[in-house]
Amino acid sequence: VQLVESGGGLVQPGGSLRLSCAASGSIFGIGAMGWYRQAPGKQRELVATITSGSFANYADSVKGRFTISRDSAKNKVYLAMNSLKPEDTAIYYCNLENYPNYWGQGTQVTVSS
């Protein structure tokens, strides 16, 4: 299983980014898909998840600002991030419920003026 995240970058506070993750390999039933992030010196934390039926759940810190979506036919998951704050700065990773031990290289998001 390979996970490739993309879409990160440097953005000013209040700005927006859209992250993408493509899953490939020997995948049989992805199940829920999720985004996690890890800031320097901190543990990896859950940002958002979306079930196979497109039910979404969010960390309190991103509710109302981030939107997770998926394209199950393409094995892709997306994270639209609006009203970004400096505390959103982190490396963002995607993960699959049924393949929890697989991680990609992540994509760096930096929110700074």
Protein backbone atom coordinates (compact mmCIF):
# COMPACT_ATOMS: atom_id res chain seq x y z
CA VAL A 1 0.00 0.00 0.00
CA GLN A 2 1.36 3.40 -0.98
CA LEU A 3 0.03 6.75 0.18
CA VAL A 4 1.12 9.96 -1.52
CA GLU A 5 0.10 13.29 -0.05
CA SER A 6 0.36 16.59 -1.92
CA GLY A 7 -0.88 20.15 -1.89
CA GLY A 8 0.96 21.61 1.06
CA GLY A 9 2.86 24.87 1.05
CA LEU A 10 3.42 28.22 2.69
CA VAL A 11 0.32 30.34 3.23
CA GLN A 12 -0.49 33.46 5.19
CA PRO A 13 -2.86 33.36 8.18
CA GLY A 14 -6.42 33.36 6.94
CA GLY A 15 -5.43 31.67 3.70
CA SER A 16 -6.53 28.37 2.19
CA LEU A 17 -5.00 25.15 0.92
CA ARG A 18 -6.36 21.91 -0.48
CA LEU A 19 -4.50 18.71 0.30
CA SER A 20 -4.80 15.51 -1.71
CA CYS A 21 -3.87 11.93 -0.93
CA ALA A 22 -3.76 9.08 -3.41
CA ALA A 23 -3.76 5.48 -2.21
CA SER A 24 -2.47 2.69 -4.44
CA GLY A 25 -1.23 -0.87 -4.27
CA SER A 26 -2.92 -4.02 -3.03
CA ILE A 27 -5.98 -2.39 -1.51
CA PHE A 28 -9.12 -4.40 -0.81
CA GLY A 29 -11.69 -2.29 0.93
CA ILE A 30 -10.23 0.98 2.17
CA GLY A 31 -12.88 1.70 4.77
CA ALA A 32 -12.63 5.09 6.43
CA MET A 33 -9.93 7.51 5.35
CA GLY A 34 -8.38 10.15 7.53
CA TRP A 35 -5.99 13.04 7.81
CA TYR A 36 -3.51 13.42 10.63
CA ARG A 37 -0.92 16.06 11.37
CA GLN A 38 2.26 16.33 13.36
CA ALA A 39 3.74 19.63 14.46
CA PRO A 40 7.39 19.94 15.55
CA GLY A 41 7.88 18.52 19.02
CA LYS A 42 4.31 17.24 19.23
CA GLN A 43 2.59 13.90 18.79
CA ARG A 44 0.69 13.06 15.65
CA GLU A 45 -2.96 13.99 16.01
CA LEU A 46 -6.15 13.17 14.17
CA VAL A 47 -7.53 16.03 12.08
CA ALA A 48 -10.50 14.52 10.27
CA THR A 49 -11.96 11.21 9.11
CA ILE A 50 -14.51 10.23 6.50
CA THR A 51 -16.28 6.88 6.33
CA SER A 52 -17.02 4.88 3.20
CA GLY A 53 -20.49 6.36 3.41
CA SER A 54 -18.99 9.88 3.48
CA PHE A 55 -19.80 10.60 7.11
CA ALA A 56 -17.18 13.08 8.32
CA ASN A 57 -15.78 13.77 11.75
CA TYR A 58 -13.40 16.55 12.77
CA ALA A 59 -11.11 17.54 15.59
CA ASP A 60 -12.56 20.45 17.55
CA SER A 61 -9.63 22.64 16.55
CA VAL A 62 -10.54 22.48 12.84
CA LYS A 63 -14.33 22.28 12.89
CA GLY A 64 -15.91 24.86 10.64
CA ARG A 65 -12.62 25.54 8.84
CA PHE A 66 -11.59 22.20 7.29
CA THR A 67 -13.61 19.92 5.03
CA ILE A 68 -12.68 16.33 4.26
CA SER A 69 -13.96 14.58 1.15
CA ARG A 70 -13.16 11.45 -0.81
CA ASP A 71 -13.35 9.92 -4.26
CA SER A 72 -13.69 6.23 -3.51
CA ALA A 73 -13.50 5.24 -7.19
CA LYS A 74 -10.02 6.79 -7.36
CA ASN A 75 -8.91 5.87 -3.84
CA LYS A 76 -8.33 9.52 -3.04
CA VAL A 77 -9.07 11.70 -0.05
CA TYR A 78 -8.94 15.48 0.14
CA LEU A 79 -8.73 18.11 2.87
CA ALA A 80 -9.88 21.64 2.11
CA MET A 81 -8.44 23.99 4.70
CA ASN A 82 -9.75 27.53 5.11
CA SER A 83 -9.06 30.31 7.61
CA LEU A 84 -5.69 28.80 8.33
CA LYS A 85 -3.93 29.70 11.56
CA PRO A 86 -0.25 29.52 12.54
CA GLU A 87 -1.12 26.63 14.86
CA ASP A 88 -2.18 24.60 11.82
CA THR A 89 1.47 24.43 10.80
CA ALA A 90 2.46 20.76 10.63
CA ILE A 91 3.19 17.86 8.34
CA TYR A 92 -0.10 16.40 7.19
CA TYR A 93 -0.54 12.69 6.54
CA CYS A 94 -3.38 10.55 5.27
CA ASN A 95 -4.22 7.13 6.60
CA LEU A 96 -6.59 4.27 5.82
CA GLU A 97 -8.74 2.60 8.46
CA ASN A 98 -8.11 -0.91 7.12
CA TYR A 99 -4.37 -0.35 6.59
CA PRO A 100 -3.41 1.66 9.68
CA ASN A 101 0.29 0.82 9.59
CA TYR A 102 0.89 2.48 6.24
CA TRP A 103 1.89 6.12 6.06
CA GLY A 104 3.07 8.37 3.28
CA GLN A 105 5.82 10.96 3.40
CA GLY A 106 3.35 13.67 4.34
CA THR A 107 3.00 17.18 3.00
CA GLN A 108 4.25 20.24 4.85
CA VAL A 109 1.80 23.02 5.65
CA THR A 110 3.26 26.24 6.98
CA VAL A 111 1.03 29.12 8.03
CA SER A 112 3.04 32.26 8.56
CA SER A 113 3.09 35.93 7.65
